Amino acid sequence: MAIALDNLRVGRCYSFKNYGENRRLRVLARISREDFEVEDLDTTEKYTLEELLRYGKGKDYALFELDEHDD
């Protein structure tokens, strides 16, 4: 079962899927009550979760915490 956005923790890594895009993310900081600064583990690009969810949550939306050895 996917986890809710308010369960994200700074420093932890997550697998994120939405509208066919798969990303592995590390949460760098909580920048507001509902937004986080994240780093893509594959490209090292930094952006906010709001940017990823700008167009809403697709039918395939999923967010899971990665095991420590997965990052």
N, C-alpha and C. Protein backbone atom coordinates (compact mmCIF):
# COMPACT_ATOMS: atom_id res chain seq x y z
N MET A 1 0.84 -1.18 0.00
CA MET A 1 0.00 0.00 0.00
C MET A 1 0.89 1.25 0.00
N ALA A 2 0.56 2.20 -0.83
CA ALA A 2 1.32 3.44 -0.93
C ALA A 2 1.18 4.25 0.36
N ILE A 3 2.22 5.02 0.66
CA ILE A 3 2.17 5.85 1.86
C ILE A 3 1.70 7.26 1.50
N ALA A 4 1.20 7.96 2.49
CA ALA A 4 0.72 9.33 2.30
C ALA A 4 1.88 10.31 2.34
N LEU A 5 1.73 11.45 1.70
CA LEU A 5 2.77 12.46 1.66
C LEU A 5 3.16 12.96 3.04
N ASP A 6 2.21 13.01 3.97
CA ASP A 6 2.55 13.51 5.31
C ASP A 6 3.36 12.50 6.12
N ASN A 7 3.62 11.32 5.56
CA ASN A 7 4.47 10.33 6.22
C ASN A 7 5.92 10.38 5.74
N LEU A 8 6.24 11.31 4.84
CA LEU A 8 7.61 11.43 4.36
C LEU A 8 8.51 11.97 5.46
N ARG A 9 9.76 11.50 5.47
CA ARG A 9 10.73 11.93 6.47
C ARG A 9 11.99 12.44 5.79
N VAL A 10 12.53 13.54 6.29
CA VAL A 10 13.77 14.10 5.76
C VAL A 10 14.89 13.08 5.92
N GLY A 11 15.67 12.91 4.84
CA GLY A 11 16.79 11.99 4.85
C GLY A 11 16.46 10.59 4.35
N ARG A 12 15.20 10.27 4.23
CA ARG A 12 14.79 8.95 3.77
C ARG A 12 14.60 8.94 2.25
N CYS A 13 14.63 7.74 1.67
CA CYS A 13 14.50 7.58 0.22
C CYS A 13 13.20 6.88 -0.11
N TYR A 14 12.62 7.27 -1.26
CA TYR A 14 11.31 6.78 -1.66
C TYR A 14 11.27 6.47 -3.14
N SER A 15 10.42 5.53 -3.50
CA SER A 15 10.11 5.23 -4.88
C SER A 15 8.79 5.93 -5.19
N PHE A 16 8.78 6.72 -6.27
CA PHE A 16 7.62 7.53 -6.63
C PHE A 16 7.20 7.20 -8.05
N LYS A 17 5.91 6.92 -8.24
CA LYS A 17 5.38 6.66 -9.57
C LYS A 17 4.13 7.51 -9.76
N ASN A 18 4.05 8.17 -10.93
CA ASN A 18 2.88 8.99 -11.25
C ASN A 18 2.85 9.24 -12.75
N TYR A 19 1.72 8.99 -13.37
CA TYR A 19 1.55 9.18 -14.81
C TYR A 19 2.66 8.49 -15.61
N GLY A 20 3.01 7.28 -15.22
CA GLY A 20 3.98 6.49 -15.95
C GLY A 20 5.44 6.82 -15.68
N GLU A 21 5.71 7.84 -14.90
CA GLU A 21 7.09 8.19 -14.57
C GLU A 21 7.47 7.53 -13.25
N ASN A 22 8.63 6.90 -13.25
CA ASN A 22 9.17 6.27 -12.04
C ASN A 22 10.41 7.03 -11.59
N ARG A 23 10.44 7.40 -10.33
CA ARG A 23 11.59 8.13 -9.79
C ARG A 23 11.96 7.56 -8.43
N ARG A 24 13.23 7.64 -8.13
CA ARG A 24 13.73 7.31 -6.79
C ARG A 24 14.21 8.62 -6.20
N LEU A 25 13.66 8.98 -5.04
CA LEU A 25 13.86 10.30 -4.46
C LEU A 25 14.43 10.22 -3.05
N ARG A 26 15.23 11.21 -2.69
CA ARG A 26 15.67 11.41 -1.31
C ARG A 26 15.08 12.74 -0.86
N VAL A 27 14.42 12.75 0.30
CA VAL A 27 13.84 13.97 0.84
C VAL A 27 14.95 14.76 1.51
N LEU A 28 15.16 15.99 1.03
CA LEU A 28 16.22 16.85 1.56
C LEU A 28 15.73 17.78 2.66
N ALA A 29 14.51 18.31 2.51
CA ALA A 29 13.99 19.26 3.49
C ALA A 29 12.48 19.38 3.35
N ARG A 30 11.85 19.70 4.45
CA ARG A 30 10.43 20.03 4.42
C ARG A 30 10.36 21.55 4.28
N ILE A 31 9.76 22.03 3.19
CA ILE A 31 9.77 23.47 2.95
C ILE A 31 8.43 24.14 3.25
N SER A 32 7.41 23.34 3.47
CA SER A 32 6.12 23.84 3.93
C SER A 32 5.37 22.65 4.52
N ARG A 33 4.18 22.93 5.00
CA ARG A 33 3.40 21.84 5.62
C ARG A 33 3.14 20.69 4.64
N GLU A 34 3.00 21.03 3.35
CA GLU A 34 2.63 20.01 2.37
C GLU A 34 3.63 19.87 1.23
N ASP A 35 4.83 20.45 1.36
CA ASP A 35 5.79 20.38 0.26
C ASP A 35 7.19 20.06 0.79
N PHE A 36 7.95 19.36 -0.04
CA PHE A 36 9.29 18.93 0.33
C PHE A 36 10.25 19.22 -0.81
N GLU A 37 11.50 19.51 -0.46
CA GLU A 37 12.57 19.56 -1.46
C GLU A 37 13.12 18.14 -1.56
N VAL A 38 13.24 17.64 -2.79
CA VAL A 38 13.71 16.27 -3.01
C VAL A 38 14.84 16.25 -4.02
N GLU A 39 15.62 15.18 -3.98
CA GLU A 39 16.69 14.97 -4.94
C GLU A 39 16.44 13.65 -5.65
N ASP A 40 16.49 13.67 -6.96
CA ASP A 40 16.35 12.46 -7.75
C ASP A 40 17.63 11.65 -7.58
N LEU A 41 17.53 10.41 -7.14
CA LEU A 41 18.72 9.60 -6.87
C LEU A 41 19.43 9.17 -8.15
N ASP A 42 18.75 9.19 -9.28
CA ASP A 42 19.36 8.78 -10.53
C ASP A 42 20.03 9.92 -11.28
N THR A 43 19.44 11.12 -11.22
CA THR A 43 19.98 12.26 -11.98
C THR A 43 20.62 13.32 -11.09
N THR A 44 20.43 13.23 -9.78
CA THR A 44 20.85 14.21 -8.76
C THR A 44 20.18 15.58 -8.93
N GLU A 45 19.17 15.66 -9.77
CA GLU A 45 18.40 16.90 -9.94
C GLU A 45 17.58 17.15 -8.68
N LYS A 46 17.46 18.42 -8.28
CA LYS A 46 16.67 18.79 -7.12
C LYS A 46 15.43 19.55 -7.56
N TYR A 47 14.30 19.25 -6.93
CA TYR A 47 13.04 19.92 -7.20
C TYR A 47 12.12 19.71 -6.03
N THR A 48 10.89 20.18 -6.12
CA THR A 48 9.93 20.01 -5.03
C THR A 48 8.89 18.96 -5.41
N LEU A 49 8.27 18.39 -4.39
CA LEU A 49 7.20 17.43 -4.66
C LEU A 49 6.02 18.10 -5.34
N GLU A 50 5.80 19.38 -5.05
CA GLU A 50 4.72 20.11 -5.70
C GLU A 50 4.91 20.09 -7.21
N GLU A 51 6.15 20.19 -7.67
CA GLU A 51 6.42 20.13 -9.11
C GLU A 51 6.04 18.77 -9.68
N LEU A 52 6.28 17.71 -8.93
CA LEU A 52 5.94 16.37 -9.41
C LEU A 52 4.43 16.12 -9.42
N LEU A 53 3.72 16.78 -8.52
CA LEU A 53 2.27 16.57 -8.40
C LEU A 53 1.45 17.71 -8.99
N ARG A 54 2.09 18.58 -9.74
CA ARG A 54 1.43 19.75 -10.31
C ARG A 54 0.16 19.40 -11.09
N TYR A 55 0.17 18.29 -11.79
CA TYR A 55 -0.98 17.90 -12.61
C TYR A 55 -1.86 16.86 -11.93
N GLY A 56 -1.67 16.67 -10.64
CA GLY A 56 -2.50 15.75 -9.87
C GLY A 56 -1.88 14.37 -9.77
N LYS A 57 -2.64 13.48 -9.20
CA LYS A 57 -2.21 12.10 -9.02
C LYS A 57 -2.92 11.23 -10.05
N GLY A 58 -2.12 10.51 -10.84
CA GLY A 58 -2.67 9.61 -11.85
C GLY A 58 -3.18 8.32 -11.24
N LYS A 59 -3.80 7.50 -12.06
CA LYS A 59 -4.32 6.21 -11.59
C LYS A 59 -3.21 5.30 -11.10
N ASP A 60 -1.99 5.51 -11.60
CA ASP A 60 -0.86 4.67 -11.23
C ASP A 60 -0.05 5.24 -10.06
N TYR A 61 -0.51 6.33 -9.42
CA TYR A 61 0.23 6.97 -8.34
C TYR A 61 0.60 5.97 -7.25
N ALA A 62 1.86 5.99 -6.87
CA ALA A 62 2.34 5.15 -5.77
C ALA A 62 3.57 5.80 -5.15
N LEU A 63 3.69 5.69 -3.84
CA LEU A 63 4.83 6.23 -3.12
C LEU A 63 5.19 5.22 -2.03
N PHE A 64 6.41 4.69 -2.12
CA PHE A 64 6.87 3.69 -1.17
C PHE A 64 8.24 4.06 -0.65
N GLU A 65 8.50 3.76 0.62
CA GLU A 65 9.83 3.98 1.17
C GLU A 65 10.76 2.88 0.66
N LEU A 66 11.97 3.27 0.28
CA LEU A 66 12.98 2.32 -0.16
C LEU A 66 13.73 1.77 1.05
N ASP A 67 14.14 0.52 0.96
CA ASP A 67 15.01 -0.04 1.98
C ASP A 67 16.36 0.66 1.89
N GLU A 68 17.10 0.67 2.97
CA GLU A 68 18.39 1.36 2.99
C GLU A 68 19.33 0.87 1.90
N HIS A 69 19.31 -0.40 1.59
CA HIS A 69 20.21 -0.95 0.57
C HIS A 69 19.73 -0.70 -0.85
N ASP A 70 18.50 -0.15 -1.03
CA ASP A 70 17.96 0.14 -2.36
C ASP A 70 18.44 1.47 -2.92
N ASP A 71 18.93 2.36 -2.07
CA ASP A 71 19.35 3.68 -2.58
C ASP A 71 20.80 3.64 -2.92
